[in-house]
Structure formats: C-alpha cells, structure tokens
Amino acid sequence: MRMTLLLLAAGACALAAAQAPPPWGEPFSLEKTAAYQCVRAEKPIVIDGVLDDPAWAHAQVIEHFIVPPKLDWTAFQMTNPRRARSLTHAKIMWDDKYLYLAAQMEDRDIYCVTPAGHDLPFGTDDIIELFVKPSDEQPGYWEFHIVPTGGTRDYFYARRGAGGDKRWMKYESGMQAKTKIVGTFDDWSDRDNEWTAEMRLPWSAFDRWGGKPKVGDCWRFLVSRYDYSVHLEEGNELSAAAPLPWQNYHLFEYYPYLVFR
C-alpha cells in the first residue's frame, strides 16, 4: 500500500512538473531531477554543522546549481545561464518533528559581516537559502537564511510581492542552525576551502499553509546561494538549484518538487 502511494505521488509530481514552465536545454536542464526524494531520518539528526550524522548518507544530493540570467548593464542585454563555479551539495530529510537541511559549499573566499544571531540585518554575506512552498493552490511561502557565522533569518510571505517587509518581520519559525568553516572570515589574501551548514525547522513553522506533510506529499522548494569572493571575476555569484528564467529566487513556478517518502 505504501509503495502504491509513493508511485501515485511520484506520478502526480511528474505531471505537475510537466505542466510547469519548461526548463532550459542541456547542459542546464533540471528535468531529470524535477522531483527530489525527501527520505525520513530514522533518528533525530544532531545539528552541529559537521554533517557527519549517518542519516545524511541516505539523502538525495541536490547539486545542479546554476547562475540564472541577469541584465548586463555594460552591454544592455541578458547574460546566458551557466553552471555555478562554486560547487554546492545540499540534502533535505525529515522526521516526525523536523525538516532538515544540510549544505556543503565550496568557497575560496568566505565572506560574512553579520555576526551569529537571529534576524540581524544582513550585509553582503555569503548565504545559503531554503525556500519552501507546500501548496500550488495557496499563495504563501517561506524563506530561511544561514550565513557562515551561524546567523539566521526567517521570512513568511503571505503572497509574493504583497506588503513588503511588514509582512514577514514578526514571523518566527523556531529554526535552529549551525555552521562550520574551513578557512578564515573576511581575509581575501588567503585561500579558503569550504563552509557547511545544518538546519532544522519544526513543522509548526508551516502551520499557516502546509503543516506537517504526509508520506507521498509534494512540496515545491528551492535551495539557493550567495557567494561573494575576490576569486570570482564578477565579485559574486548567485546560484540556485532550479531553472529560473532570470535572477529572482521568488519565481516559485520554476521550483522543483520535494516528495516526502
């Protein structure tokens, strides 16, 4: 019975993905990974930023990060999409209490001016982001930030583009996150290696529209990243694991699906 439900859910996600705007052609297409599997963790995952919990070995890797087109003001034309130069490997899992995210990010110049803490104003920080949209029928969606110092921020949008900052400043998800860096903060003269982030979100974070999913449910999601670096020709790289038609992380029509199993 459980296998039948999973097959039906996979079919529903595939149909939804087929009805979504078509992805770019190769080599940037995410068509083969339009629906990611979110497997259950048998035991609670320890949030320490180290990513050595055995549960992560069973999670599907999210790694097809691309830099969406943006306006080149010098040439007055849109840039072409390309693969991200800084590699990112992300994973998502769940259990009865939490949604988990792990991310390992190649970074030759780790940059972060925001100290550890929650809901502090961000500067030009390296960031890993998770967007979550449980329903295609409801307009609401969520956004969660982590920076290398371990600083976090969470947002709830009742509707895209409605209300501005006032819509999400009072939202508290209960998110918890930890990070670990291999390198040094804000020293462009040396060569850093990577930073990792680990996060958990209680299901109460999604009570407005969504709540705790059931096996077979499909939610839209996006993992995206800001990377500021002296080693990048443009000085920064904004990448996402979705075929966004331009550089806007709020285009949830292009998000892939997450199938809970």
Protein backbone atom coordinates (compact mmCIF):
# COMPACT_ATOMS: atom_id res chain seq x y z
CA MET A 1 0.00 0.00 0.00
CA ARG A 2 2.80 2.42 0.93
CA MET A 3 4.62 1.66 -2.33
CA THR A 4 1.41 2.34 -4.28
CA LEU A 5 1.04 5.72 -2.59
CA LEU A 6 4.62 6.62 -3.40
CA LEU A 7 4.17 5.68 -7.06
CA LEU A 8 0.98 7.74 -7.27
CA ALA A 9 2.71 10.69 -5.62
CA ALA A 10 5.67 10.43 -7.97
CA GLY A 11 3.27 10.40 -10.90
CA ALA A 12 1.46 13.48 -9.59
CA CYS A 13 4.74 15.35 -9.15
CA ALA A 14 5.87 14.36 -12.63
CA LEU A 15 2.59 15.64 -14.09
CA ALA A 16 2.91 18.90 -12.17
CA ALA A 17 6.49 19.30 -13.32
CA ALA A 18 5.43 18.67 -16.91
CA GLN A 19 2.83 21.44 -16.61
CA ALA A 20 5.37 23.89 -15.17
CA PRO A 21 7.32 26.22 -17.48
CA PRO A 22 9.89 24.15 -19.40
CA PRO A 23 13.48 24.16 -18.10
CA TRP A 24 16.44 25.27 -20.14
CA GLY A 25 18.02 22.84 -22.53
CA GLU A 26 21.23 20.97 -21.74
CA PRO A 27 23.60 21.46 -20.04
CA PHE A 28 21.45 23.50 -17.63
CA SER A 29 18.27 21.40 -17.59
CA LEU A 30 16.99 20.11 -14.26
CA GLU A 31 14.37 17.94 -15.96
CA LYS A 32 15.99 14.72 -14.71
CA THR A 33 15.77 15.96 -11.11
CA ALA A 34 12.48 17.89 -11.26
CA ALA A 35 11.28 15.91 -8.22
CA TYR A 36 13.68 15.17 -5.37
CA GLN A 37 13.09 12.44 -2.81
CA CYS A 38 12.94 13.57 0.82
CA VAL A 39 13.58 10.42 2.86
CA ARG A 40 12.90 10.02 6.57
CA ALA A 41 15.66 10.09 9.14
CA GLU A 42 15.42 7.06 11.41
CA LYS A 43 16.90 9.01 14.34
CA PRO A 44 16.97 12.73 15.15
CA ILE A 45 19.81 14.50 13.34
CA VAL A 46 22.30 16.37 15.53
CA ILE A 47 22.54 20.00 14.38
CA ASP A 48 26.23 20.90 14.71
CA GLY A 49 27.28 21.92 11.19
CA VAL A 50 29.64 18.94 10.82
CA LEU A 51 27.39 16.81 8.51
CA ASP A 52 28.74 13.51 9.88
CA ASP A 53 25.38 12.18 11.05
CA PRO A 54 24.83 8.72 9.47
CA ALA A 55 21.35 9.72 8.31
CA TRP A 56 22.74 12.07 5.65
CA ALA A 57 24.24 9.12 3.76
CA HIS A 58 20.70 8.11 2.75
CA ALA A 59 19.59 11.52 1.45
CA GLN A 60 19.44 12.52 -2.21
CA VAL A 61 22.07 15.07 -3.21
CA ILE A 62 20.94 18.39 -4.66
CA GLU A 63 23.88 19.63 -6.71
CA HIS A 64 22.75 21.07 -10.08
CA PHE A 65 23.28 24.74 -9.20
CA ILE A 66 23.15 27.29 -11.99
CA VAL A 67 23.58 31.04 -12.28
CA PRO A 68 20.35 32.42 -13.82
CA PRO A 69 20.41 35.14 -16.48
CA LYS A 70 20.64 38.75 -15.34
CA LEU A 71 20.87 42.11 -17.05
CA ASP A 72 24.39 43.06 -18.09
CA TRP A 73 24.32 46.84 -17.74
CA THR A 74 27.53 47.29 -19.73
CA ALA A 75 26.12 45.50 -22.79
CA PHE A 76 22.42 46.22 -22.12
CA GLN A 77 21.50 42.59 -22.65
CA MET A 78 20.72 39.49 -20.62
CA THR A 79 23.57 37.17 -19.72
CA ASN A 80 23.41 33.48 -20.58
CA PRO A 81 22.71 30.91 -17.84
CA ARG A 82 25.71 28.86 -16.77
CA ARG A 83 26.78 26.33 -14.20
CA ALA A 84 27.89 27.76 -10.86
CA ARG A 85 31.67 27.91 -10.46
CA SER A 86 31.47 27.36 -6.70
CA LEU A 87 30.16 23.85 -6.09
CA THR A 88 27.27 23.25 -3.69
CA HIS A 89 25.92 19.95 -2.37
CA ALA A 90 22.69 20.11 -0.38
CA LYS A 91 20.44 17.45 1.20
CA ILE A 92 16.98 17.54 2.75
CA MET A 93 15.44 15.00 5.14
CA TRP A 94 12.50 14.83 7.55
CA ASP A 95 11.11 13.05 10.59
CA ASP A 96 8.05 13.43 12.81
CA LYS A 97 9.30 16.70 14.32
CA TYR A 98 11.52 18.47 11.80
CA LEU A 99 12.51 19.30 8.25
CA TYR A 100 16.32 19.15 7.94
CA LEU A 101 18.74 20.83 5.54
CA ALA A 102 22.46 20.15 5.11
CA ALA A 103 24.70 22.08 2.73
CA GLN A 104 28.38 21.79 1.84
CA MET A 105 29.66 24.77 -0.11
CA GLU A 106 32.96 25.19 -1.89
CA ASP A 107 34.17 28.70 -1.09
CA ARG A 108 37.67 30.08 -1.77
CA ASP A 109 36.89 33.38 -0.04
CA ILE A 110 34.46 33.03 2.88
CA TYR A 111 32.86 36.39 3.45
CA CYS A 112 30.44 37.33 6.23
CA VAL A 113 29.99 40.59 8.11
CA THR A 114 26.86 39.56 10.05
CA PRO A 115 27.58 38.05 13.48
CA ALA A 116 25.89 34.97 14.87
CA GLY A 117 22.33 35.67 15.98
CA HIS A 118 18.80 35.60 14.65
CA ASP A 119 17.06 38.16 12.44
CA LEU A 120 20.00 40.55 12.37
CA PRO A 121 20.24 42.77 9.27
CA PHE A 122 22.35 41.07 6.62
CA GLY A 123 25.13 42.73 4.72
CA THR A 124 26.92 41.38 1.67
CA ASP A 125 27.28 37.95 3.28
CA ASP A 126 27.75 34.51 1.83
CA ILE A 127 24.34 32.89 2.32
CA ILE A 128 22.66 29.52 1.85
CA GLU A 129 18.89 29.80 1.48
CA LEU A 130 15.93 27.44 1.56
CA PHE A 131 12.57 28.41 0.09
CA VAL A 132 9.55 26.22 0.87
CA LYS A 133 6.12 26.35 -0.80
CA PRO A 134 3.85 23.49 0.34
CA SER A 135 0.91 24.23 -1.94
CA ASP A 136 0.48 25.29 -5.55
CA GLU A 137 -3.06 26.39 -4.70
CA GLN A 138 -2.14 28.68 -1.78
CA PRO A 139 -0.06 31.84 -2.33
CA GLY A 140 2.05 31.67 0.85
CA TYR A 141 5.67 30.52 1.03
CA TRP A 142 8.70 30.64 3.34
CA GLU A 143 12.37 31.64 3.11
CA PHE A 144 15.19 30.71 5.51
CA HIS A 145 18.77 32.10 5.56
CA ILE A 146 22.02 30.88 7.08
CA VAL A 147 25.35 32.77 6.92
CA PRO A 148 28.83 31.38 7.73
CA THR A 149 28.89 32.79 11.28
CA GLY A 150 25.74 30.80 12.04
CA GLY A 151 23.48 33.85 11.77
CA THR A 152 19.92 33.02 10.70
CA ARG A 153 16.84 34.75 9.42
CA ASP A 154 13.35 33.55 8.52
CA TYR A 155 10.57 35.02 6.40
CA PHE A 156 6.94 34.24 5.67
CA TYR A 157 5.34 35.73 2.55
CA ALA A 158 1.54 35.69 2.57
CA ARG A 159 1.67 36.43 -1.14
CA ARG A 160 4.56 37.21 -3.46
CA GLY A 161 5.08 40.95 -3.77
CA ALA A 162 2.37 41.91 -1.26
CA GLY A 163 3.02 44.05 1.79
CA GLY A 164 6.80 44.41 1.66
CA ASP A 165 8.88 43.95 4.82
CA LYS A 166 5.90 44.39 7.14
CA ARG A 167 4.59 41.01 6.01
CA TRP A 168 7.37 38.91 7.46
CA MET A 169 9.27 40.79 10.16
CA LYS A 170 7.19 39.31 13.03
CA TYR A 171 7.43 35.71 11.83
CA GLU A 172 9.38 33.24 13.97
CA SER A 173 9.87 29.73 12.61
CA GLY A 174 11.76 28.20 15.52
CA MET A 175 14.61 27.35 13.13
CA GLN A 176 17.93 26.12 14.51
CA ALA A 177 21.18 26.14 12.54
CA LYS A 178 24.91 25.59 12.98
CA THR A 179 27.82 26.18 10.64
CA LYS A 180 31.47 25.18 10.30
CA ILE A 181 34.11 26.85 8.14
CA VAL A 182 37.33 25.51 6.71
CA GLY A 183 39.22 28.75 6.24
CA THR A 184 39.05 32.26 7.70
CA PHE A 185 36.43 35.00 7.66
CA ASP A 186 36.93 38.10 5.54
CA ASP A 187 40.59 37.68 4.60
CA TRP A 188 40.75 37.93 0.83
CA SER A 189 44.53 37.38 0.79
CA ASP A 190 44.34 33.70 1.78
CA ARG A 191 42.63 30.75 0.13
CA ASP A 192 39.69 29.21 1.98
CA ASN A 193 38.19 25.80 1.34
CA GLU A 194 34.51 25.48 2.22
CA TRP A 195 31.79 26.07 4.76
CA THR A 196 28.98 23.79 5.83
CA ALA A 197 25.56 24.49 7.29
CA GLU A 198 23.00 22.33 9.03
CA MET A 199 19.45 23.40 9.89
CA ARG A 200 16.24 22.01 11.30
CA LEU A 201 12.75 23.51 11.10
CA PRO A 202 9.88 22.37 13.32
CA TRP A 203 6.71 21.53 11.44
CA SER A 204 4.95 24.30 13.35
CA ALA A 205 6.90 26.69 11.11
CA PHE A 206 4.50 25.80 8.31
CA ASP A 207 1.23 25.87 10.25
CA ARG A 208 -0.18 28.77 8.23
CA TRP A 209 -0.36 26.78 4.99
CA GLY A 210 1.06 23.32 4.97
CA GLY A 211 1.81 21.98 8.43
CA LYS A 212 3.42 18.56 8.70
CA PRO A 213 3.40 16.64 5.37
CA LYS A 214 2.23 13.08 4.83
CA VAL A 215 4.10 10.34 3.01
CA GLY A 216 3.63 10.99 -0.69
CA ASP A 217 3.04 14.75 -0.40
CA CYS A 218 4.83 17.04 -2.88
CA TRP A 219 6.06 20.49 -1.85
CA ARG A 220 7.89 22.98 -4.01
CA PHE A 221 11.29 24.11 -2.72
CA LEU A 222 14.44 25.94 -3.73
CA VAL A 223 17.98 25.83 -2.39
CA SER A 224 19.90 28.93 -3.45
CA ARG A 225 23.14 30.62 -2.60
CA TYR A 226 25.02 33.94 -2.48
CA ASP A 227 28.80 33.68 -2.85
CA TYR A 228 30.92 36.83 -2.57
CA SER A 229 34.53 36.23 -3.49
CA VAL A 230 37.65 38.03 -4.66
CA HIS A 231 38.37 34.92 -6.73
CA LEU A 232 35.23 35.33 -8.87
CA GLU A 233 35.57 37.61 -11.88
CA GLU A 234 32.19 39.26 -11.18
CA GLY A 235 32.94 39.57 -7.46
CA ASN A 236 29.92 37.47 -6.58
CA GLU A 237 27.87 34.53 -7.79
CA LEU A 238 24.18 33.96 -7.14
CA SER A 239 23.18 30.37 -7.91
CA ALA A 240 20.11 28.19 -7.47
CA ALA A 241 19.07 24.56 -7.91
CA ALA A 242 16.23 25.44 -10.29
CA PRO A 243 15.87 26.58 -13.92
CA LEU A 244 14.98 30.17 -13.09
CA PRO A 245 14.47 32.29 -16.24
CA TRP A 246 16.16 35.27 -14.60
CA GLN A 247 17.88 36.12 -11.34
CA ASN A 248 14.90 36.16 -8.98
CA TYR A 249 14.66 33.49 -6.27
CA HIS A 250 10.94 34.15 -5.75
CA LEU A 251 9.85 32.59 -9.05
CA PHE A 252 8.32 29.55 -7.34
CA GLU A 253 6.66 28.37 -10.56
CA TYR A 254 10.11 27.12 -11.53
CA TYR A 255 10.95 25.41 -8.23
CA PRO A 256 11.44 21.63 -8.28
CA TYR A 257 9.29 19.36 -6.13
CA LEU A 258 10.18 17.59 -2.91
CA VAL A 259 8.46 14.20 -2.49
CA PHE A 260 8.15 13.00 1.11
CA ARG A 261 8.71 9.28 1.46
